[in-house]
Amino acid sequence: MTSHPPHHLTHIAEPAGVAPATGYTHVVTGTGRLVAVSGQVAFDEQQQLVGPGDPKAQAQQVFANLGRCLASAGAGFGDVVKLTYFVTDMAFMPAVREARDAHFGALPLPASSAMQVAALFRPDVLIEIEALALVPEGRG
């Protein structure tokens, strides 16, 4: 986890005429190589669901999986420009934010969207998160 903002990204939390962002950044721009991470769920390496019925455990596993996917492309959480959250109940968002904050630390938060969905691909999967990142040229 990086403790300072990456130099290749610009975070605009308060664009003119838009209410200030709380818990995300309105606009993130930068240069580099795009990394798109498919929606991650709370499966471990053996394709077993971590935390059935437990949104906190699932959120922690999802962010661990996101971190591994980003690392495979030479990226980290500091390179993330956008997160998209899919939850089967908006009541799970505090657990998602807690897991996110544990991985982002003092980094500026990315742009984000959150939506409640009727269902994910399995009834016991509560959370899915996808990410977009920009990695500086020459890294990864």
N, C-alpha and C. Protein backbone atom coordinates (compact mmCIF):
# COMPACT_ATOMS: atom_id res chain seq x y z
N MET A 1 0.84 -1.17 0.00
CA MET A 1 0.00 0.00 0.00
C MET A 1 0.90 1.24 0.00
N THR A 2 0.62 2.18 -0.87
CA THR A 2 1.37 3.42 -0.98
C THR A 2 0.79 4.43 0.00
N SER A 3 1.67 5.19 0.68
CA SER A 3 1.17 6.15 1.67
C SER A 3 1.06 7.56 1.10
N HIS A 4 1.43 7.76 -0.15
CA HIS A 4 1.32 9.08 -0.76
C HIS A 4 0.63 8.96 -2.11
N PRO A 5 0.02 10.05 -2.57
CA PRO A 5 -0.68 9.98 -3.85
C PRO A 5 0.30 9.75 -5.00
N PRO A 6 -0.07 8.91 -5.96
CA PRO A 6 0.80 8.72 -7.11
C PRO A 6 0.83 9.99 -7.95
N HIS A 7 1.97 10.28 -8.55
CA HIS A 7 2.16 11.52 -9.29
C HIS A 7 1.49 11.50 -10.65
N HIS A 8 1.10 10.35 -11.15
CA HIS A 8 0.51 10.28 -12.48
C HIS A 8 -1.01 10.47 -12.46
N LEU A 9 -1.60 10.66 -11.27
CA LEU A 9 -3.04 10.84 -11.15
C LEU A 9 -3.35 12.19 -10.52
N THR A 10 -4.46 12.78 -10.96
CA THR A 10 -4.98 14.01 -10.36
C THR A 10 -6.38 13.72 -9.84
N HIS A 11 -6.60 13.99 -8.57
CA HIS A 11 -7.90 13.78 -7.94
C HIS A 11 -8.60 15.13 -7.78
N ILE A 12 -9.80 15.25 -8.31
CA ILE A 12 -10.59 16.48 -8.22
C ILE A 12 -11.82 16.17 -7.38
N ALA A 13 -11.72 16.47 -6.09
CA ALA A 13 -12.80 16.13 -5.16
C ALA A 13 -13.96 17.12 -5.23
N GLU A 14 -13.67 18.37 -5.63
CA GLU A 14 -14.70 19.40 -5.63
C GLU A 14 -14.70 20.18 -6.95
N PRO A 15 -15.22 19.57 -8.02
CA PRO A 15 -15.34 20.34 -9.27
C PRO A 15 -16.29 21.51 -9.07
N ALA A 16 -16.04 22.61 -9.75
CA ALA A 16 -16.88 23.80 -9.63
C ALA A 16 -18.34 23.45 -9.89
N GLY A 17 -19.21 23.91 -9.00
CA GLY A 17 -20.64 23.73 -9.17
C GLY A 17 -21.18 22.37 -8.76
N VAL A 18 -20.33 21.52 -8.17
CA VAL A 18 -20.74 20.18 -7.74
C VAL A 18 -20.54 20.07 -6.23
N ALA A 19 -21.49 19.45 -5.54
CA ALA A 19 -21.36 19.27 -4.09
C ALA A 19 -20.10 18.47 -3.78
N PRO A 20 -19.38 18.82 -2.70
CA PRO A 20 -18.16 18.08 -2.34
C PRO A 20 -18.43 16.59 -2.16
N ALA A 21 -17.45 15.78 -2.53
CA ALA A 21 -17.55 14.33 -2.40
C ALA A 21 -17.25 13.91 -0.97
N THR A 22 -17.96 12.91 -0.50
CA THR A 22 -17.70 12.32 0.81
C THR A 22 -17.49 10.83 0.60
N GLY A 23 -16.27 10.34 0.87
CA GLY A 23 -15.99 8.91 0.74
C GLY A 23 -15.63 8.48 -0.67
N TYR A 24 -15.39 9.41 -1.56
CA TYR A 24 -14.96 9.12 -2.93
C TYR A 24 -14.46 10.42 -3.53
N THR A 25 -13.92 10.35 -4.74
CA THR A 25 -13.49 11.53 -5.47
C THR A 25 -14.36 11.66 -6.71
N HIS A 26 -14.84 12.86 -7.01
CA HIS A 26 -15.70 13.04 -8.18
C HIS A 26 -14.99 12.70 -9.48
N VAL A 27 -13.76 13.18 -9.64
CA VAL A 27 -13.04 13.01 -10.91
C VAL A 27 -11.60 12.59 -10.62
N VAL A 28 -11.15 11.57 -11.33
CA VAL A 28 -9.75 11.17 -11.27
C VAL A 28 -9.26 11.09 -12.71
N THR A 29 -8.17 11.77 -13.00
CA THR A 29 -7.62 11.78 -14.35
C THR A 29 -6.12 11.50 -14.25
N GLY A 30 -5.54 11.11 -15.35
CA GLY A 30 -4.11 10.84 -15.34
C GLY A 30 -3.65 10.27 -16.65
N THR A 31 -2.41 9.84 -16.64
CA THR A 31 -1.83 9.23 -17.83
C THR A 31 -1.29 7.86 -17.47
N GLY A 32 -1.19 7.01 -18.46
CA GLY A 32 -0.62 5.69 -18.21
C GLY A 32 -1.36 4.60 -18.96
N ARG A 33 -1.08 3.39 -18.55
CA ARG A 33 -1.65 2.19 -19.16
C ARG A 33 -2.90 1.79 -18.38
N LEU A 34 -4.02 1.60 -19.08
CA LEU A 34 -5.28 1.23 -18.43
C LEU A 34 -5.26 -0.23 -17.99
N VAL A 35 -5.70 -0.45 -16.77
CA VAL A 35 -5.87 -1.79 -16.22
C VAL A 35 -7.33 -1.91 -15.81
N ALA A 36 -8.05 -2.84 -16.41
CA ALA A 36 -9.46 -3.09 -16.07
C ALA A 36 -9.53 -4.42 -15.32
N VAL A 37 -10.05 -4.38 -14.11
CA VAL A 37 -10.19 -5.59 -13.29
C VAL A 37 -11.66 -5.97 -13.25
N SER A 38 -11.95 -7.16 -13.71
CA SER A 38 -13.32 -7.67 -13.68
C SER A 38 -13.85 -7.69 -12.26
N GLY A 39 -15.17 -7.71 -12.16
CA GLY A 39 -15.79 -7.77 -10.85
C GLY A 39 -15.27 -8.94 -10.04
N GLN A 40 -14.81 -8.64 -8.84
CA GLN A 40 -14.28 -9.66 -7.94
C GLN A 40 -15.29 -9.95 -6.84
N VAL A 41 -15.38 -11.21 -6.48
CA VAL A 41 -16.25 -11.65 -5.40
C VAL A 41 -15.39 -12.32 -4.34
N ALA A 42 -16.01 -12.83 -3.29
CA ALA A 42 -15.28 -13.34 -2.12
C ALA A 42 -14.89 -14.80 -2.24
N PHE A 43 -14.35 -15.21 -3.38
CA PHE A 43 -13.84 -16.57 -3.52
C PHE A 43 -12.37 -16.61 -3.13
N ASP A 44 -11.97 -17.69 -2.46
CA ASP A 44 -10.55 -17.89 -2.20
C ASP A 44 -9.93 -18.63 -3.38
N GLU A 45 -8.66 -19.00 -3.25
CA GLU A 45 -7.95 -19.66 -4.35
C GLU A 45 -8.56 -21.00 -4.74
N GLN A 46 -9.28 -21.64 -3.83
CA GLN A 46 -9.92 -22.93 -4.12
C GLN A 46 -11.36 -22.77 -4.60
N GLN A 47 -11.74 -21.55 -4.96
CA GLN A 47 -13.07 -21.21 -5.44
C GLN A 47 -14.15 -21.46 -4.38
N GLN A 48 -13.75 -21.34 -3.10
CA GLN A 48 -14.69 -21.46 -2.00
C GLN A 48 -15.09 -20.06 -1.55
N LEU A 49 -16.37 -19.87 -1.28
CA LEU A 49 -16.84 -18.57 -0.82
C LEU A 49 -16.37 -18.31 0.60
N VAL A 50 -15.73 -17.18 0.81
CA VAL A 50 -15.30 -16.76 2.14
C VAL A 50 -16.44 -15.95 2.75
N GLY A 51 -16.84 -16.30 3.96
CA GLY A 51 -17.84 -15.53 4.69
C GLY A 51 -19.27 -15.65 4.21
N PRO A 52 -19.79 -16.86 4.01
CA PRO A 52 -21.21 -16.96 3.63
C PRO A 52 -22.10 -16.21 4.62
N GLY A 53 -22.94 -15.31 4.11
CA GLY A 53 -23.84 -14.54 4.96
C GLY A 53 -23.18 -13.42 5.74
N ASP A 54 -21.87 -13.19 5.54
CA ASP A 54 -21.12 -12.21 6.33
C ASP A 54 -20.55 -11.14 5.39
N PRO A 55 -21.23 -9.98 5.26
CA PRO A 55 -20.75 -8.96 4.33
C PRO A 55 -19.36 -8.43 4.67
N LYS A 56 -19.01 -8.36 5.96
CA LYS A 56 -17.68 -7.86 6.34
C LYS A 56 -16.59 -8.80 5.84
N ALA A 57 -16.75 -10.10 6.08
CA ALA A 57 -15.76 -11.09 5.62
C ALA A 57 -15.69 -11.12 4.10
N GLN A 58 -16.84 -11.01 3.45
CA GLN A 58 -16.84 -11.01 1.99
C GLN A 58 -16.14 -9.76 1.45
N ALA A 59 -16.41 -8.61 2.03
CA ALA A 59 -15.77 -7.37 1.56
C ALA A 59 -14.25 -7.45 1.72
N GLN A 60 -13.79 -7.98 2.84
CA GLN A 60 -12.35 -8.11 3.06
C GLN A 60 -11.73 -9.01 1.99
N GLN A 61 -12.38 -10.13 1.68
CA GLN A 61 -11.85 -11.05 0.66
C GLN A 61 -11.89 -10.41 -0.72
N VAL A 62 -12.95 -9.67 -1.02
CA VAL A 62 -13.05 -9.01 -2.32
C VAL A 62 -11.88 -8.03 -2.50
N PHE A 63 -11.59 -7.22 -1.50
CA PHE A 63 -10.48 -6.27 -1.63
C PHE A 63 -9.14 -6.98 -1.68
N ALA A 64 -8.98 -8.09 -0.97
CA ALA A 64 -7.75 -8.88 -1.09
C ALA A 64 -7.60 -9.38 -2.53
N ASN A 65 -8.70 -9.86 -3.12
CA ASN A 65 -8.66 -10.33 -4.50
C ASN A 65 -8.36 -9.19 -5.47
N LEU A 66 -8.97 -8.02 -5.25
CA LEU A 66 -8.68 -6.87 -6.09
C LEU A 66 -7.19 -6.53 -6.03
N GLY A 67 -6.62 -6.54 -4.83
CA GLY A 67 -5.21 -6.24 -4.66
C GLY A 67 -4.33 -7.21 -5.44
N ARG A 68 -4.68 -8.49 -5.41
CA ARG A 68 -3.90 -9.50 -6.15
C ARG A 68 -4.03 -9.29 -7.65
N CYS A 69 -5.24 -8.97 -8.11
CA CYS A 69 -5.44 -8.73 -9.54
C CYS A 69 -4.66 -7.50 -10.00
N LEU A 70 -4.72 -6.44 -9.22
CA LEU A 70 -3.97 -5.23 -9.56
C LEU A 70 -2.47 -5.52 -9.61
N ALA A 71 -1.97 -6.23 -8.62
CA ALA A 71 -0.54 -6.55 -8.56
C ALA A 71 -0.10 -7.35 -9.78
N SER A 72 -0.98 -8.23 -10.28
CA SER A 72 -0.62 -9.04 -11.44
C SER A 72 -0.38 -8.18 -12.68
N ALA A 73 -0.91 -6.96 -12.67
CA ALA A 73 -0.74 -6.03 -13.79
C ALA A 73 0.26 -4.92 -13.46
N GLY A 74 0.98 -5.08 -12.35
CA GLY A 74 1.94 -4.06 -11.95
C GLY A 74 1.30 -2.83 -11.34
N ALA A 75 0.10 -2.98 -10.84
CA ALA A 75 -0.65 -1.86 -10.27
C ALA A 75 -0.89 -2.09 -8.78
N GLY A 76 -1.33 -1.03 -8.12
CA GLY A 76 -1.71 -1.11 -6.72
C GLY A 76 -2.93 -0.25 -6.48
N PHE A 77 -3.40 -0.20 -5.25
CA PHE A 77 -4.59 0.59 -4.95
C PHE A 77 -4.38 2.07 -5.24
N GLY A 78 -3.16 2.56 -5.15
CA GLY A 78 -2.88 3.95 -5.46
C GLY A 78 -3.05 4.30 -6.92
N ASP A 79 -3.15 3.30 -7.79
CA ASP A 79 -3.35 3.51 -9.22
C ASP A 79 -4.83 3.44 -9.63
N VAL A 80 -5.69 3.07 -8.70
CA VAL A 80 -7.11 2.89 -9.01
C VAL A 80 -7.77 4.25 -9.24
N VAL A 81 -8.46 4.38 -10.35
CA VAL A 81 -9.17 5.62 -10.67
C VAL A 81 -10.68 5.46 -10.48
N LYS A 82 -11.19 4.22 -10.51
CA LYS A 82 -12.65 4.03 -10.41
C LYS A 82 -12.95 2.67 -9.81
N LEU A 83 -13.85 2.64 -8.85
CA LEU A 83 -14.40 1.40 -8.29
C LEU A 83 -15.90 1.39 -8.55
N THR A 84 -16.41 0.23 -8.91
CA THR A 84 -17.86 0.07 -9.06
C THR A 84 -18.28 -1.06 -8.13
N TYR A 85 -19.21 -0.73 -7.23
CA TYR A 85 -19.68 -1.67 -6.22
C TYR A 85 -21.07 -2.19 -6.60
N PHE A 86 -21.23 -3.48 -6.50
CA PHE A 86 -22.53 -4.12 -6.67
C PHE A 86 -22.81 -4.88 -5.37
N VAL A 87 -23.88 -4.52 -4.68
CA VAL A 87 -24.23 -5.18 -3.43
C VAL A 87 -25.69 -5.61 -3.50
N THR A 88 -25.99 -6.71 -2.84
CA THR A 88 -27.38 -7.18 -2.84
C THR A 88 -28.21 -6.46 -1.78
N ASP A 89 -27.54 -5.67 -0.92
CA ASP A 89 -28.25 -4.86 0.08
C ASP A 89 -27.35 -3.66 0.41
N MET A 90 -27.87 -2.45 0.29
CA MET A 90 -27.08 -1.25 0.59
C MET A 90 -26.61 -1.22 2.04
N ALA A 91 -27.23 -1.99 2.90
CA ALA A 91 -26.79 -2.08 4.29
C ALA A 91 -25.39 -2.66 4.41
N PHE A 92 -24.87 -3.27 3.34
CA PHE A 92 -23.51 -3.83 3.35
C PHE A 92 -22.44 -2.78 3.08
N MET A 93 -22.83 -1.57 2.66
CA MET A 93 -21.84 -0.56 2.29
C MET A 93 -20.88 -0.15 3.41
N PRO A 94 -21.32 -0.06 4.67
CA PRO A 94 -20.34 0.25 5.72
C PRO A 94 -19.21 -0.80 5.79
N ALA A 95 -19.54 -2.07 5.62
CA ALA A 95 -18.51 -3.12 5.61
C ALA A 95 -17.61 -2.98 4.40
N VAL A 96 -18.18 -2.60 3.27
CA VAL A 96 -17.39 -2.38 2.05
C VAL A 96 -16.43 -1.20 2.26
N ARG A 97 -16.95 -0.11 2.81
CA ARG A 97 -16.10 1.08 3.04
C ARG A 97 -14.97 0.77 4.03
N GLU A 98 -15.27 -0.01 5.06
CA GLU A 98 -14.25 -0.38 6.04
C GLU A 98 -13.13 -1.18 5.37
N ALA A 99 -13.49 -2.15 4.53
CA ALA A 99 -12.48 -2.94 3.82
C ALA A 99 -11.71 -2.07 2.84
N ARG A 100 -12.43 -1.19 2.14
CA ARG A 100 -11.77 -0.27 1.19
C ARG A 100 -10.76 0.59 1.93
N ASP A 101 -11.17 1.19 3.04
CA ASP A 101 -10.29 2.09 3.78
C ASP A 101 -9.05 1.36 4.31
N ALA A 102 -9.21 0.09 4.67
CA ALA A 102 -8.06 -0.69 5.14
C ALA A 102 -7.03 -0.87 4.03
N HIS A 103 -7.47 -0.93 2.78
CA HIS A 103 -6.54 -1.12 1.66
C HIS A 103 -6.04 0.19 1.07
N PHE A 104 -6.83 1.24 1.13
CA PHE A 104 -6.42 2.53 0.56
C PHE A 104 -5.66 3.38 1.56
N GLY A 105 -5.91 3.19 2.85
CA GLY A 105 -5.21 3.96 3.86
C GLY A 105 -5.37 5.45 3.63
N ALA A 106 -4.24 6.16 3.60
CA ALA A 106 -4.25 7.61 3.43
C ALA A 106 -4.30 8.04 1.97
N LEU A 107 -4.36 7.09 1.04
CA LEU A 107 -4.42 7.45 -0.37
C LEU A 107 -5.71 8.21 -0.68
N PRO A 108 -5.68 9.09 -1.68
CA PRO A 108 -6.93 9.71 -2.13
C PRO A 108 -7.87 8.62 -2.66
N LEU A 109 -9.13 8.74 -2.35
CA LEU A 109 -10.08 7.72 -2.81
C LEU A 109 -10.40 7.91 -4.29
N PRO A 110 -10.67 6.82 -4.99
CA PRO A 110 -10.99 6.91 -6.41
C PRO A 110 -12.43 7.37 -6.63
N ALA A 111 -12.75 7.64 -7.89
CA ALA A 111 -14.15 7.84 -8.27
C ALA A 111 -14.87 6.52 -8.00
N SER A 112 -16.16 6.57 -7.77
CA SER A 112 -16.88 5.32 -7.50
C SER A 112 -18.36 5.44 -7.77
N SER A 113 -18.95 4.30 -7.98
CA SER A 113 -20.40 4.16 -8.10
C SER A 113 -20.80 2.94 -7.30
N ALA A 114 -21.95 3.03 -6.64
CA ALA A 114 -22.45 1.90 -5.86
C ALA A 114 -23.90 1.66 -6.25
N MET A 115 -24.24 0.41 -6.43
CA MET A 115 -25.62 0.09 -6.74
C MET A 115 -26.06 -1.19 -6.06
N GLN A 116 -27.32 -1.17 -5.63
CA GLN A 116 -27.93 -2.37 -5.10
C GLN A 116 -28.54 -3.12 -6.27
N VAL A 117 -28.25 -4.42 -6.31
CA VAL A 117 -28.76 -5.27 -7.39
C VAL A 117 -29.68 -6.32 -6.78
N ALA A 118 -30.61 -6.80 -7.59
CA ALA A 118 -31.56 -7.81 -7.10
C ALA A 118 -30.83 -9.10 -6.73
N ALA A 119 -29.79 -9.43 -7.49
CA ALA A 119 -29.04 -10.65 -7.22
C ALA A 119 -27.72 -10.59 -7.98
N LEU A 120 -26.76 -11.36 -7.49
CA LEU A 120 -25.52 -11.58 -8.22
C LEU A 120 -25.60 -13.00 -8.78
N PHE A 121 -24.53 -13.52 -9.31
CA PHE A 121 -24.61 -14.79 -10.03
C PHE A 121 -24.87 -16.01 -9.15
N ARG A 122 -24.68 -15.88 -7.84
CA ARG A 122 -25.04 -16.92 -6.86
C ARG A 122 -25.72 -16.24 -5.69
N PRO A 123 -26.73 -16.87 -5.12
CA PRO A 123 -27.46 -16.22 -4.02
C PRO A 123 -26.63 -15.96 -2.77
N ASP A 124 -25.54 -16.71 -2.55
CA ASP A 124 -24.72 -16.50 -1.36
C ASP A 124 -23.61 -15.46 -1.56
N VAL A 125 -23.46 -14.95 -2.79
CA VAL A 125 -22.49 -13.89 -3.07
C VAL A 125 -23.20 -12.56 -2.83
N LEU A 126 -22.69 -11.78 -1.88
CA LEU A 126 -23.34 -10.54 -1.45
C LEU A 126 -22.76 -9.29 -2.10
N ILE A 127 -21.48 -9.37 -2.52
CA ILE A 127 -20.74 -8.19 -2.97
C ILE A 127 -19.89 -8.54 -4.18
N GLU A 128 -19.87 -7.63 -5.16
CA GLU A 128 -18.95 -7.74 -6.29
C GLU A 128 -18.41 -6.34 -6.56
N ILE A 129 -17.10 -6.24 -6.79
CA ILE A 129 -16.48 -4.94 -7.02
C ILE A 129 -15.53 -5.05 -8.20
N GLU A 130 -15.64 -4.08 -9.12
CA GLU A 130 -14.71 -4.02 -10.25
C GLU A 130 -13.89 -2.73 -10.13
N ALA A 131 -12.72 -2.72 -10.79
CA ALA A 131 -11.82 -1.58 -10.67
C ALA A 131 -11.22 -1.21 -12.02
N LEU A 132 -10.95 0.07 -12.18
CA LEU A 132 -10.16 0.60 -13.29
C LEU A 132 -8.97 1.31 -12.68
N ALA A 133 -7.79 1.07 -13.27
CA ALA A 133 -6.57 1.70 -12.77
C ALA A 133 -5.76 2.24 -13.94
N LEU A 134 -4.94 3.23 -13.66
CA LEU A 134 -3.97 3.75 -14.63
C LEU A 134 -2.58 3.55 -14.04
N VAL A 135 -1.76 2.80 -14.77
CA VAL A 135 -0.40 2.51 -14.32
C VAL A 135 0.56 3.34 -15.15
N PRO A 136 1.53 4.02 -14.50
CA PRO A 136 2.48 4.82 -15.27
C PRO A 136 3.21 3.96 -16.29
N GLU A 137 3.46 4.53 -17.46
CA GLU A 137 4.23 3.81 -18.49
C GLU A 137 5.56 3.38 -17.91
N GLY A 138 5.97 2.18 -18.27
CA GLY A 138 7.25 1.66 -17.79
C GLY A 138 7.16 0.87 -16.51
N ARG A 139 6.00 0.90 -15.84
CA ARG A 139 5.84 0.10 -14.62
C ARG A 139 4.97 -1.10 -14.97
N GLY A 140 5.34 -2.24 -14.45
CA GLY A 140 4.53 -3.43 -14.59
C GLY A 140 4.86 -4.20 -15.80
